N, C-alpha and C. Protein backbone atom coordinates (compact mmCIF):
# COMPACT_ATOMS: atom_id res chain seq x y z
N MET A 1 71.25 138.67 159.97
CA MET A 1 72.69 138.60 159.92
C MET A 1 73.21 138.70 158.47
N ALA A 2 74.38 139.34 158.35
CA ALA A 2 74.92 139.55 157.04
C ALA A 2 75.52 138.17 156.61
N THR A 3 75.75 138.01 155.25
CA THR A 3 76.35 136.83 154.76
C THR A 3 77.85 137.00 154.69
N PHE A 4 78.52 135.83 154.44
CA PHE A 4 80.01 135.96 154.37
C PHE A 4 80.45 136.99 153.28
N SER A 5 79.87 136.85 152.14
CA SER A 5 80.17 137.69 150.99
C SER A 5 80.01 139.20 151.42
N GLU A 6 78.99 139.53 152.12
CA GLU A 6 78.74 140.90 152.50
C GLU A 6 79.78 141.29 153.62
N ARG A 7 80.14 140.46 154.53
CA ARG A 7 81.10 140.77 155.49
C ARG A 7 82.45 141.03 154.84
N LEU A 8 82.85 140.13 153.91
CA LEU A 8 84.11 140.24 153.28
C LEU A 8 84.24 141.56 152.53
N LYS A 9 83.25 141.89 151.74
CA LYS A 9 83.25 143.15 150.95
C LYS A 9 83.34 144.35 151.91
N SER A 10 82.58 144.31 153.02
CA SER A 10 82.60 145.45 153.96
C SER A 10 83.94 145.57 154.61
N LEU A 11 84.55 144.45 155.03
CA LEU A 11 85.76 144.59 155.66
C LEU A 11 86.90 145.04 154.73
N ARG A 12 86.81 144.71 153.52
CA ARG A 12 87.86 145.17 152.58
C ARG A 12 87.70 146.54 152.35
N SER A 13 86.40 146.99 152.18
CA SER A 13 86.10 148.47 152.01
C SER A 13 86.57 149.35 153.10
N GLU A 14 86.38 148.80 154.32
CA GLU A 14 86.88 149.56 155.59
C GLU A 14 88.38 149.88 155.50
N LYS A 15 89.08 148.90 155.02
CA LYS A 15 90.52 149.08 154.91
C LYS A 15 90.92 149.85 153.69
N GLY A 16 90.02 150.08 152.79
CA GLY A 16 90.36 150.89 151.50
C GLY A 16 91.15 150.04 150.54
N TRP A 17 91.04 148.68 150.66
CA TRP A 17 91.76 147.80 149.77
C TRP A 17 91.05 147.50 148.43
N SER A 18 91.77 147.30 147.45
CA SER A 18 91.11 146.74 146.22
C SER A 18 91.04 145.21 146.40
N GLN A 19 90.28 144.66 145.50
CA GLN A 19 90.24 143.18 145.46
C GLN A 19 91.69 142.59 145.17
N GLN A 20 92.33 143.16 144.35
CA GLN A 20 93.75 142.77 144.03
C GLN A 20 94.61 142.77 145.26
N ARG A 21 94.47 143.92 146.06
CA ARG A 21 95.31 143.97 147.25
C ARG A 21 94.92 142.90 148.22
N LEU A 22 93.70 142.58 148.43
CA LEU A 22 93.28 141.48 149.36
C LEU A 22 93.79 140.18 148.83
N ALA A 23 93.71 140.01 147.50
CA ALA A 23 94.12 138.78 146.88
C ALA A 23 95.67 138.51 147.23
N ASP A 24 96.37 139.69 147.09
CA ASP A 24 97.87 139.60 147.29
C ASP A 24 98.16 139.26 148.79
N GLU A 25 97.38 139.89 149.62
CA GLU A 25 97.60 139.53 151.12
C GLU A 25 97.32 138.08 151.42
N LEU A 26 96.31 137.49 150.78
CA LEU A 26 95.93 136.10 151.11
C LEU A 26 96.60 135.13 150.19
N LYS A 27 97.45 135.65 149.24
CA LYS A 27 98.10 134.85 148.27
C LYS A 27 97.00 133.97 147.46
N LEU A 28 96.04 134.65 146.99
CA LEU A 28 94.96 134.12 146.18
C LEU A 28 94.83 134.87 144.85
N SER A 29 94.07 134.39 143.88
CA SER A 29 93.92 135.06 142.64
C SER A 29 92.77 136.14 142.94
N LYS A 30 92.76 137.23 142.10
CA LYS A 30 91.72 138.23 142.24
C LYS A 30 90.37 137.66 141.92
N SER A 31 90.35 136.74 140.93
CA SER A 31 89.09 136.16 140.59
C SER A 31 88.47 135.33 141.78
N SER A 32 89.33 134.80 142.62
CA SER A 32 88.75 134.01 143.75
C SER A 32 88.13 134.99 144.77
N VAL A 33 88.79 136.21 145.02
CA VAL A 33 88.17 137.20 145.88
C VAL A 33 86.91 137.69 145.32
N ASN A 34 86.91 137.93 144.03
CA ASN A 34 85.69 138.41 143.42
C ASN A 34 84.57 137.46 143.49
N MET A 35 84.81 136.16 143.35
CA MET A 35 83.72 135.14 143.56
C MET A 35 83.30 135.07 144.96
N TYR A 36 84.16 135.16 145.90
CA TYR A 36 83.85 135.22 147.29
C TYR A 36 82.86 136.35 147.60
N GLU A 37 83.14 137.56 147.00
CA GLU A 37 82.36 138.75 147.32
C GLU A 37 81.04 138.65 146.61
N ARG A 38 80.91 137.96 145.46
CA ARG A 38 79.64 137.79 144.80
C ARG A 38 78.76 136.63 145.35
N GLY A 39 79.37 135.87 146.27
CA GLY A 39 78.64 134.84 146.89
C GLY A 39 78.56 133.57 146.08
N GLU A 40 79.51 133.50 145.07
CA GLU A 40 79.53 132.38 144.13
C GLU A 40 80.36 131.22 144.69
N ARG A 41 81.19 131.50 145.75
CA ARG A 41 82.02 130.42 146.30
C ARG A 41 82.42 130.94 147.75
N GLU A 42 82.60 129.91 148.61
CA GLU A 42 83.09 130.22 149.94
C GLU A 42 84.47 129.54 150.17
N PRO A 43 85.41 130.23 150.73
CA PRO A 43 86.67 129.61 150.93
C PRO A 43 86.65 128.45 151.92
N GLY A 44 87.88 127.65 151.89
CA GLY A 44 87.95 126.60 152.70
C GLY A 44 88.29 127.16 154.12
N PHE A 45 88.44 126.16 155.09
CA PHE A 45 88.57 126.68 156.49
C PHE A 45 89.92 127.38 156.69
N GLU A 46 91.05 126.92 156.11
CA GLU A 46 92.29 127.56 156.26
C GLU A 46 92.29 128.89 155.62
N THR A 47 91.67 129.12 154.49
CA THR A 47 91.58 130.42 153.97
C THR A 47 90.67 131.36 154.75
N MET A 48 89.61 130.80 155.32
CA MET A 48 88.74 131.55 156.22
C MET A 48 89.53 131.95 157.36
N GLU A 49 90.35 131.17 158.00
CA GLU A 49 91.19 131.60 159.14
C GLU A 49 92.09 132.68 158.75
N ALA A 50 92.73 132.60 157.54
CA ALA A 50 93.65 133.65 157.02
C ALA A 50 92.96 134.98 156.89
N ILE A 51 91.65 134.91 156.35
CA ILE A 51 90.92 136.15 156.27
C ILE A 51 90.56 136.84 157.65
N ALA A 52 90.22 135.94 158.60
CA ALA A 52 89.91 136.42 159.97
C ALA A 52 91.11 137.00 160.60
N ASP A 53 92.33 136.44 160.36
CA ASP A 53 93.50 137.00 160.94
C ASP A 53 93.91 138.33 160.24
N THR A 54 93.71 138.40 158.90
CA THR A 54 93.96 139.56 158.12
C THR A 54 93.23 140.77 158.59
N PHE A 55 91.99 140.56 158.91
CA PHE A 55 91.01 141.62 159.34
C PHE A 55 90.89 141.69 160.85
N ASN A 56 91.56 140.74 161.58
CA ASN A 56 91.41 140.68 163.10
C ASN A 56 90.01 140.66 163.58
N VAL A 57 89.30 139.69 163.00
CA VAL A 57 87.93 139.50 163.40
C VAL A 57 87.73 138.03 163.77
N ASP A 58 86.65 137.76 164.56
CA ASP A 58 86.25 136.41 164.87
C ASP A 58 85.73 135.66 163.67
N MET A 59 85.94 134.29 163.65
CA MET A 59 85.41 133.51 162.56
C MET A 59 83.91 133.57 162.47
N ASP A 60 83.24 133.56 163.62
CA ASP A 60 81.77 133.58 163.60
C ASP A 60 81.28 134.87 163.04
N TYR A 61 82.00 135.90 163.16
CA TYR A 61 81.64 137.16 162.49
C TYR A 61 81.68 137.09 160.93
N LEU A 62 82.72 136.43 160.47
CA LEU A 62 82.91 136.21 159.04
C LEU A 62 81.73 135.41 158.56
N TYR A 63 81.36 134.30 159.25
CA TYR A 63 80.39 133.38 158.81
C TYR A 63 78.90 134.02 158.89
N GLY A 64 78.81 135.17 159.53
CA GLY A 64 77.56 135.82 159.75
C GLY A 64 76.76 135.34 160.88
N ARG A 65 77.39 134.60 161.85
CA ARG A 65 76.70 134.01 162.94
C ARG A 65 76.65 135.01 164.13
N THR A 66 77.35 136.09 164.10
CA THR A 66 77.34 137.10 165.17
C THR A 66 77.63 138.54 164.50
N ASP A 67 77.18 139.55 165.25
CA ASP A 67 77.57 140.81 164.84
C ASP A 67 78.78 141.39 165.64
N VAL A 68 79.34 140.55 166.57
CA VAL A 68 80.52 140.95 167.32
C VAL A 68 81.74 140.60 166.58
N LYS A 69 82.63 141.54 166.28
CA LYS A 69 83.77 141.37 165.40
C LYS A 69 84.77 140.52 166.12
N ILE A 70 84.97 140.82 167.39
CA ILE A 70 85.99 140.09 168.20
C ILE A 70 85.39 139.62 169.48
N ALA A 71 85.41 138.18 169.60
CA ALA A 71 84.69 137.62 170.78
C ALA A 71 85.61 137.96 172.06
N GLU A 72 84.91 138.22 173.13
CA GLU A 72 85.57 138.49 174.48
C GLU A 72 86.16 137.12 174.88
N PRO A 73 87.37 137.15 175.38
CA PRO A 73 88.02 135.86 175.87
C PRO A 73 87.30 135.48 177.13
N ILE A 74 87.18 134.14 177.39
CA ILE A 74 86.59 133.52 178.50
C ILE A 74 87.47 133.81 179.72
N GLN A 75 86.92 134.36 180.77
CA GLN A 75 87.65 134.56 181.98
C GLN A 75 87.48 133.47 182.98
N PHE A 76 88.60 132.90 183.43
CA PHE A 76 88.61 131.74 184.35
C PHE A 76 88.94 132.25 185.70
N ASN A 77 88.43 131.65 186.77
CA ASN A 77 88.94 131.89 188.08
C ASN A 77 88.95 130.58 188.91
N ALA A 78 89.30 130.68 190.17
CA ALA A 78 89.41 129.46 190.99
C ALA A 78 88.14 128.77 191.03
N ASP A 79 86.95 129.44 190.93
CA ASP A 79 85.67 128.82 191.06
C ASP A 79 85.15 128.06 189.82
N THR A 80 85.73 128.43 188.61
CA THR A 80 85.23 127.91 187.35
C THR A 80 86.25 126.75 186.87
N VAL A 81 87.41 126.65 187.40
CA VAL A 81 88.38 125.67 186.96
C VAL A 81 88.21 124.39 187.79
N PRO A 82 87.97 123.26 187.19
CA PRO A 82 87.68 122.00 187.89
C PRO A 82 88.92 121.69 188.77
N PRO A 83 88.70 120.98 189.87
CA PRO A 83 89.79 120.63 190.78
C PRO A 83 90.90 119.78 190.02
N GLY A 84 92.08 120.01 190.29
CA GLY A 84 93.10 119.29 189.57
C GLY A 84 93.61 119.91 188.28
N PHE A 85 92.90 120.93 187.81
CA PHE A 85 93.29 121.55 186.57
C PHE A 85 93.75 123.04 186.85
N ARG A 86 94.51 123.54 185.87
CA ARG A 86 94.95 125.01 186.03
C ARG A 86 94.47 125.73 184.84
N PRO A 87 94.16 127.05 184.95
CA PRO A 87 93.74 127.79 183.79
C PRO A 87 94.81 127.78 182.74
N LEU A 88 94.47 127.98 181.58
CA LEU A 88 95.48 128.13 180.43
C LEU A 88 96.29 129.38 180.67
N PRO A 89 97.62 129.35 180.37
CA PRO A 89 98.38 130.60 180.56
C PRO A 89 97.93 131.65 179.48
N GLU A 90 98.38 132.83 179.75
CA GLU A 90 98.13 133.97 178.80
C GLU A 90 98.91 133.56 177.48
N MET A 91 98.29 133.67 176.34
CA MET A 91 98.81 133.24 175.14
C MET A 91 99.13 134.51 174.23
N THR A 92 99.95 134.24 173.23
CA THR A 92 100.31 135.25 172.29
C THR A 92 100.51 134.65 170.92
N GLN A 93 100.50 135.34 169.81
CA GLN A 93 100.54 134.79 168.52
C GLN A 93 102.11 135.14 167.98
N VAL A 94 102.75 134.11 167.46
CA VAL A 94 104.07 134.28 166.80
C VAL A 94 104.04 133.65 165.45
N PRO A 95 104.82 134.05 164.57
CA PRO A 95 104.80 133.54 163.20
C PRO A 95 105.53 132.22 163.20
N LEU A 96 105.05 131.19 162.56
CA LEU A 96 105.75 129.95 162.24
C LEU A 96 106.55 130.10 160.91
N ILE A 97 107.79 130.19 160.97
CA ILE A 97 108.59 130.53 159.84
C ILE A 97 109.35 129.28 159.35
N GLY A 98 109.00 128.83 158.23
CA GLY A 98 109.71 127.76 157.54
C GLY A 98 110.00 126.57 158.29
N ASN A 99 111.15 125.97 158.10
CA ASN A 99 111.54 124.74 158.81
C ASN A 99 112.96 124.94 159.29
N ILE A 100 113.31 124.14 160.31
CA ILE A 100 114.74 124.03 160.70
C ILE A 100 115.14 122.61 160.91
N ALA A 101 116.36 122.35 160.62
CA ALA A 101 116.76 120.92 160.58
C ALA A 101 117.16 120.43 162.03
N CYS A 102 116.89 119.26 162.34
CA CYS A 102 117.41 118.72 163.64
C CYS A 102 118.25 117.44 163.28
N GLY A 103 118.96 117.53 162.10
CA GLY A 103 119.81 116.56 161.56
C GLY A 103 120.80 117.27 160.65
N THR A 104 120.94 116.90 159.44
CA THR A 104 121.68 117.51 158.50
C THR A 104 120.98 118.96 158.30
N PRO A 105 121.62 120.04 158.36
CA PRO A 105 120.89 121.33 158.12
C PRO A 105 120.16 121.44 156.79
N ILE A 106 119.05 121.94 156.71
CA ILE A 106 118.36 122.20 155.53
C ILE A 106 118.25 123.72 155.29
N THR A 107 117.87 124.12 154.03
CA THR A 107 117.84 125.60 153.78
C THR A 107 116.71 126.18 154.67
N ALA A 108 117.06 127.26 155.25
CA ALA A 108 116.12 127.90 156.15
C ALA A 108 115.27 128.85 155.32
N GLU A 109 113.92 128.59 155.22
CA GLU A 109 112.98 129.40 154.46
C GLU A 109 112.49 130.52 155.34
N GLU A 110 112.46 131.82 154.77
CA GLU A 110 112.11 132.95 155.58
C GLU A 110 110.55 133.25 155.48
N ASN A 111 109.86 132.31 154.75
CA ASN A 111 108.39 132.57 154.55
C ASN A 111 107.59 132.22 155.82
N ILE A 112 106.69 133.09 156.11
CA ILE A 112 105.76 132.88 157.29
C ILE A 112 104.75 131.85 156.77
N LYS A 113 104.57 130.74 157.37
CA LYS A 113 103.57 129.78 157.06
C LYS A 113 102.26 130.12 157.65
N GLN A 114 102.27 130.48 158.91
CA GLN A 114 101.01 130.77 159.57
C GLN A 114 101.41 131.38 161.05
N TYR A 115 100.41 131.76 161.77
CA TYR A 115 100.64 132.27 163.11
C TYR A 115 100.08 131.21 164.13
N ILE A 116 100.75 131.02 165.16
CA ILE A 116 100.35 130.03 166.10
C ILE A 116 100.36 130.60 167.58
N GLY A 117 99.53 130.03 168.48
CA GLY A 117 99.51 130.54 169.78
C GLY A 117 100.42 129.91 170.70
N VAL A 118 101.16 130.61 171.43
CA VAL A 118 102.18 130.01 172.35
C VAL A 118 102.08 130.79 173.70
N PRO A 119 102.54 130.20 174.76
CA PRO A 119 102.46 130.99 176.07
C PRO A 119 103.33 132.35 175.99
N ALA A 120 102.65 133.40 176.46
CA ALA A 120 103.27 134.66 176.37
C ALA A 120 104.55 134.74 177.21
N ALA A 121 104.60 133.88 178.40
CA ALA A 121 105.77 133.91 179.26
C ALA A 121 107.00 133.45 178.61
N TRP A 122 106.87 132.73 177.48
CA TRP A 122 108.05 132.32 176.76
C TRP A 122 108.86 133.45 176.17
N ARG A 123 108.13 134.54 175.85
CA ARG A 123 108.66 135.70 175.19
C ARG A 123 109.35 135.33 173.88
N ALA A 124 108.71 134.42 173.20
CA ALA A 124 109.19 133.94 171.90
C ALA A 124 108.94 135.04 170.78
N ASP A 125 109.74 135.01 169.77
CA ASP A 125 109.55 135.97 168.69
C ASP A 125 109.07 135.19 167.42
N PHE A 126 109.43 133.93 167.30
CA PHE A 126 108.91 133.22 166.14
C PHE A 126 109.06 131.74 166.51
N ALA A 127 108.57 130.83 165.62
CA ALA A 127 108.56 129.40 165.88
C ALA A 127 109.05 128.81 164.51
N LEU A 128 109.66 127.62 164.68
CA LEU A 128 110.16 126.85 163.61
C LEU A 128 109.72 125.33 163.73
N GLU A 129 109.45 124.77 162.61
CA GLU A 129 109.09 123.37 162.59
C GLU A 129 110.36 122.53 162.39
N CYS A 130 110.53 121.59 163.27
CA CYS A 130 111.68 120.74 163.26
C CYS A 130 111.56 119.54 162.40
N HIS A 131 112.58 119.13 161.71
CA HIS A 131 112.63 117.90 160.96
C HIS A 131 114.01 117.09 161.25
N GLY A 132 113.88 115.82 161.46
CA GLY A 132 115.04 115.04 161.87
C GLY A 132 114.99 114.56 163.26
N ASP A 133 115.82 113.67 163.63
CA ASP A 133 115.83 113.04 165.02
C ASP A 133 117.08 113.31 165.74
N SER A 134 117.98 114.18 165.34
CA SER A 134 119.18 114.43 166.00
C SER A 134 118.98 115.05 167.42
N MET A 135 117.85 115.76 167.70
CA MET A 135 117.65 116.34 169.04
C MET A 135 116.66 115.47 169.84
N ALA A 136 116.30 114.23 169.33
CA ALA A 136 115.44 113.34 170.07
C ALA A 136 116.29 112.65 171.25
N PRO A 137 115.58 112.36 172.29
CA PRO A 137 114.08 112.37 172.50
C PRO A 137 113.66 113.70 173.06
N ARG A 138 114.50 114.71 173.31
CA ARG A 138 114.04 115.93 173.88
C ARG A 138 113.14 116.66 172.92
N ILE A 139 113.60 116.84 171.64
CA ILE A 139 112.85 117.51 170.57
C ILE A 139 112.73 116.51 169.33
N CYS A 140 111.55 116.26 168.99
CA CYS A 140 111.29 115.18 168.07
C CYS A 140 110.94 115.73 166.68
N ASP A 141 110.99 114.91 165.67
CA ASP A 141 110.62 115.32 164.31
C ASP A 141 109.24 115.78 164.27
N GLY A 142 108.94 117.00 163.75
CA GLY A 142 107.57 117.53 163.65
C GLY A 142 107.30 118.43 164.77
N ASP A 143 108.09 118.52 165.82
CA ASP A 143 107.84 119.50 166.93
C ASP A 143 107.94 120.91 166.50
N ILE A 144 107.21 121.81 167.14
CA ILE A 144 107.32 123.25 166.77
C ILE A 144 108.16 123.88 167.91
N VAL A 145 109.32 124.41 167.65
CA VAL A 145 110.14 124.98 168.55
C VAL A 145 110.02 126.55 168.58
N CYS A 146 109.85 127.14 169.70
CA CYS A 146 109.66 128.53 169.81
C CYS A 146 111.08 129.20 170.14
N ILE A 147 111.43 130.34 169.43
CA ILE A 147 112.67 130.88 169.41
C ILE A 147 112.52 132.43 169.87
N ARG A 148 113.51 132.74 170.77
CA ARG A 148 113.49 134.16 171.19
C ARG A 148 114.72 134.84 170.56
N LYS A 149 114.62 135.81 169.81
CA LYS A 149 115.70 136.29 169.08
C LYS A 149 116.80 136.91 170.03
N GLN A 150 117.97 136.45 169.78
CA GLN A 150 119.11 137.00 170.53
C GLN A 150 120.38 136.45 169.86
N CYS A 151 121.48 137.22 169.83
CA CYS A 151 122.69 136.86 169.18
C CYS A 151 123.65 136.13 169.92
N GLU A 152 123.35 135.90 171.29
CA GLU A 152 124.18 135.12 172.20
C GLU A 152 123.39 134.18 173.04
N VAL A 153 123.98 133.00 173.38
CA VAL A 153 123.29 132.14 174.41
C VAL A 153 124.42 131.59 175.30
N GLU A 154 123.91 131.02 176.41
CA GLU A 154 124.83 130.38 177.35
C GLU A 154 125.31 129.08 176.82
N THR A 155 126.50 128.69 177.30
CA THR A 155 127.18 127.45 176.81
C THR A 155 126.21 126.23 177.17
N GLY A 156 125.95 125.46 176.18
CA GLY A 156 125.14 124.24 176.38
C GLY A 156 123.61 124.54 176.08
N GLN A 157 123.21 125.76 175.91
CA GLN A 157 121.84 125.99 175.64
C GLN A 157 121.46 125.62 174.25
N ILE A 158 120.17 125.41 173.84
CA ILE A 158 119.72 124.90 172.63
C ILE A 158 119.46 126.17 171.82
N ALA A 159 120.08 126.31 170.65
CA ALA A 159 119.92 127.55 169.91
C ALA A 159 119.69 127.21 168.41
N ALA A 160 118.96 128.20 167.75
CA ALA A 160 118.84 128.05 166.35
C ALA A 160 119.92 128.81 165.76
N VAL A 161 120.76 128.12 165.03
CA VAL A 161 122.04 128.60 164.52
C VAL A 161 122.06 128.50 162.96
N ARG A 162 122.37 129.63 162.37
CA ARG A 162 122.52 129.74 160.97
C ARG A 162 123.93 129.41 160.49
N ILE A 163 124.11 128.64 159.54
CA ILE A 163 125.35 128.23 159.00
C ILE A 163 125.35 128.62 157.53
N GLY A 164 125.85 129.78 157.27
CA GLY A 164 125.76 130.23 155.85
C GLY A 164 124.32 130.60 155.50
N GLU A 165 123.70 129.86 154.56
CA GLU A 165 122.33 130.08 154.19
C GLU A 165 121.45 129.01 154.74
N GLU A 166 121.97 128.17 155.62
CA GLU A 166 121.21 127.03 156.19
C GLU A 166 121.14 127.27 157.70
N ALA A 167 120.18 126.46 158.35
CA ALA A 167 119.97 126.61 159.79
C ALA A 167 119.83 125.23 160.38
N THR A 168 120.10 125.20 161.71
CA THR A 168 119.95 123.96 162.43
C THR A 168 119.70 124.31 163.89
N LEU A 169 119.27 123.28 164.60
CA LEU A 169 118.90 123.43 166.01
C LEU A 169 119.81 122.48 166.84
N LYS A 170 120.73 123.06 167.67
CA LYS A 170 121.71 122.24 168.38
C LYS A 170 121.99 122.86 169.74
N HIS A 171 122.71 122.09 170.66
CA HIS A 171 123.35 122.73 171.86
C HIS A 171 124.55 123.40 171.27
N PHE A 172 124.72 124.69 171.85
CA PHE A 172 125.75 125.60 171.36
C PHE A 172 126.94 125.68 172.42
N TYR A 173 128.07 125.40 171.93
CA TYR A 173 129.30 125.47 172.85
C TYR A 173 130.38 126.38 172.13
N LYS A 174 130.96 127.23 172.85
CA LYS A 174 131.99 128.05 172.32
C LYS A 174 133.15 128.14 173.29
N SER A 175 134.37 127.85 172.70
CA SER A 175 135.62 127.84 173.53
C SER A 175 136.76 128.49 172.71
N GLY A 176 137.06 129.74 173.10
CA GLY A 176 138.12 130.43 172.40
C GLY A 176 137.64 130.69 170.94
N ASP A 177 138.38 130.15 169.91
CA ASP A 177 138.04 130.41 168.56
C ASP A 177 137.42 129.13 167.96
N MET A 178 136.75 128.35 168.77
CA MET A 178 136.12 127.14 168.28
C MET A 178 134.66 127.13 168.74
N VAL A 179 133.80 126.72 167.86
CA VAL A 179 132.36 126.47 168.16
C VAL A 179 132.04 125.06 167.91
N GLN A 180 131.25 124.44 168.73
CA GLN A 180 130.70 123.17 168.54
C GLN A 180 129.16 123.18 168.66
N LEU A 181 128.55 122.55 167.75
CA LEU A 181 127.10 122.29 167.77
C LEU A 181 126.84 120.84 168.02
N ILE A 182 126.30 120.56 169.18
CA ILE A 182 126.09 119.23 169.61
C ILE A 182 124.69 118.76 169.63
N ALA A 183 124.40 117.60 169.04
CA ALA A 183 123.16 117.05 169.03
C ALA A 183 122.72 116.25 170.28
N GLU A 184 121.51 116.02 170.60
CA GLU A 184 121.05 115.16 171.72
C GLU A 184 121.43 113.73 171.42
N ASN A 185 121.25 113.39 170.11
CA ASN A 185 121.46 112.03 169.66
C ASN A 185 122.70 111.96 168.83
N SER A 186 123.87 111.71 169.38
CA SER A 186 125.08 111.72 168.69
C SER A 186 125.20 110.54 167.70
N ALA A 187 124.39 109.57 167.84
CA ALA A 187 124.46 108.43 166.83
C ALA A 187 123.84 108.87 165.54
N VAL A 188 122.95 109.78 165.55
CA VAL A 188 122.35 110.33 164.37
C VAL A 188 123.17 111.45 163.77
N CYS A 189 123.75 112.28 164.62
CA CYS A 189 124.47 113.51 164.14
C CYS A 189 125.71 113.66 164.97
N PRO A 190 126.86 113.53 164.46
CA PRO A 190 128.03 113.83 165.16
C PRO A 190 128.20 115.29 165.44
N PRO A 191 129.16 115.65 166.40
CA PRO A 191 129.40 117.07 166.59
C PRO A 191 129.77 117.83 165.38
N MET A 192 129.33 119.04 165.28
CA MET A 192 129.68 119.95 164.19
C MET A 192 130.63 120.99 164.71
N ILE A 193 131.85 120.91 164.23
CA ILE A 193 132.92 121.76 164.75
C ILE A 193 133.31 122.83 163.74
N PHE A 194 133.51 124.06 164.28
CA PHE A 194 133.82 125.23 163.41
C PHE A 194 134.93 125.98 164.12
N SER A 195 135.88 126.45 163.37
CA SER A 195 137.00 127.24 163.91
C SER A 195 137.61 128.19 162.83
N GLY A 196 138.42 129.10 163.25
CA GLY A 196 139.17 130.00 162.38
C GLY A 196 138.12 130.75 161.51
N THR A 197 138.42 130.76 160.26
CA THR A 197 137.62 131.56 159.23
C THR A 197 136.17 130.99 159.10
N GLN A 198 135.98 129.81 159.47
CA GLN A 198 134.65 129.19 159.43
C GLN A 198 133.64 129.88 160.27
N LEU A 199 134.11 130.52 161.41
CA LEU A 199 133.30 131.16 162.37
C LEU A 199 132.55 132.41 161.69
N ALA A 200 133.05 132.92 160.59
CA ALA A 200 132.37 133.96 159.96
C ALA A 200 131.12 133.54 159.41
N ASP A 201 130.83 132.23 159.16
CA ASP A 201 129.57 131.72 158.60
C ASP A 201 128.61 131.36 159.67
N ILE A 202 129.03 131.47 160.95
CA ILE A 202 128.20 131.04 162.07
C ILE A 202 127.38 132.29 162.71
N LYS A 203 126.09 132.04 162.81
CA LYS A 203 125.33 133.15 163.39
C LYS A 203 124.15 132.60 164.24
N ILE A 204 124.05 133.01 165.52
CA ILE A 204 123.03 132.60 166.37
C ILE A 204 121.66 133.42 166.06
N GLU A 205 120.65 132.61 165.68
CA GLU A 205 119.42 133.32 165.39
C GLU A 205 118.65 133.55 166.66
N GLY A 206 118.81 132.71 167.56
CA GLY A 206 118.01 132.88 168.82
C GLY A 206 118.06 131.64 169.76
N LEU A 207 117.44 131.82 170.96
CA LEU A 207 117.47 130.78 171.92
C LEU A 207 116.18 130.04 171.89
N ALA A 208 116.16 128.64 172.02
CA ALA A 208 115.05 127.82 172.02
C ALA A 208 114.42 128.03 173.47
N VAL A 209 113.11 128.40 173.55
CA VAL A 209 112.56 128.70 174.83
C VAL A 209 111.40 127.77 175.25
N GLY A 210 110.97 127.04 174.26
CA GLY A 210 109.88 126.11 174.44
C GLY A 210 109.48 125.46 173.17
N PHE A 211 108.69 124.35 173.33
CA PHE A 211 108.30 123.67 172.09
C PHE A 211 106.81 123.07 172.25
N CYS A 212 106.19 122.86 171.16
CA CYS A 212 104.78 122.32 171.09
C CYS A 212 104.86 120.99 170.36
N ARG A 213 104.07 120.06 170.88
CA ARG A 213 104.13 118.68 170.31
C ARG A 213 102.64 118.21 170.21
N GLY A 214 102.34 117.69 169.15
CA GLY A 214 101.03 117.12 168.89
C GLY A 214 100.83 115.79 169.60
N LEU A 215 99.59 115.35 169.83
CA LEU A 215 99.36 114.10 170.41
C LEU A 215 99.45 112.93 169.51
N LEU A 216 99.23 113.18 168.12
CA LEU A 216 99.21 112.19 167.12
C LEU A 216 100.49 112.20 166.35
């Protein structure tokens, strides 16, 4: 089996990339890529994941444990799933983009932090990490909320809303020339009301279609 350094150099060459180009893609220094390819150092797990995503290959292929670039997904059927359990839904990858406030709005960062797996049925376009308790107990601090891009939502739906250069996650209500952004927990965050010329600063980024929560 090939070593990691050999695999990395081969994958880079297949794309026709220079070491500097790969370093830019991974947000690393050129010297780090050079040391990886010379076998003088191996990246940490997160960087290894980023390399696998960049070249769309399996981690085991990068480590030299297999010659198969992309592992075949495990197929489940009624005979292989234990009683009382259901197969995992079809998944897709969406970018986790910055953070979004669930209290006082914070600056919305447009940087992609990583890609995460979410149910394909949600038809989400991106995900945001929430901070604050204004949407608790439905959506809690640290939850990952998946957003489907759309410029309009139904009254009362939870939307990612941009206010100028900031963003927040709230129930969206519009009546005539007035918009209200309502939190689940009014004790933490009172209604945010906009009218008249203030509406020019309001933009719906998308509809919240699902969220992910860790066990810890």
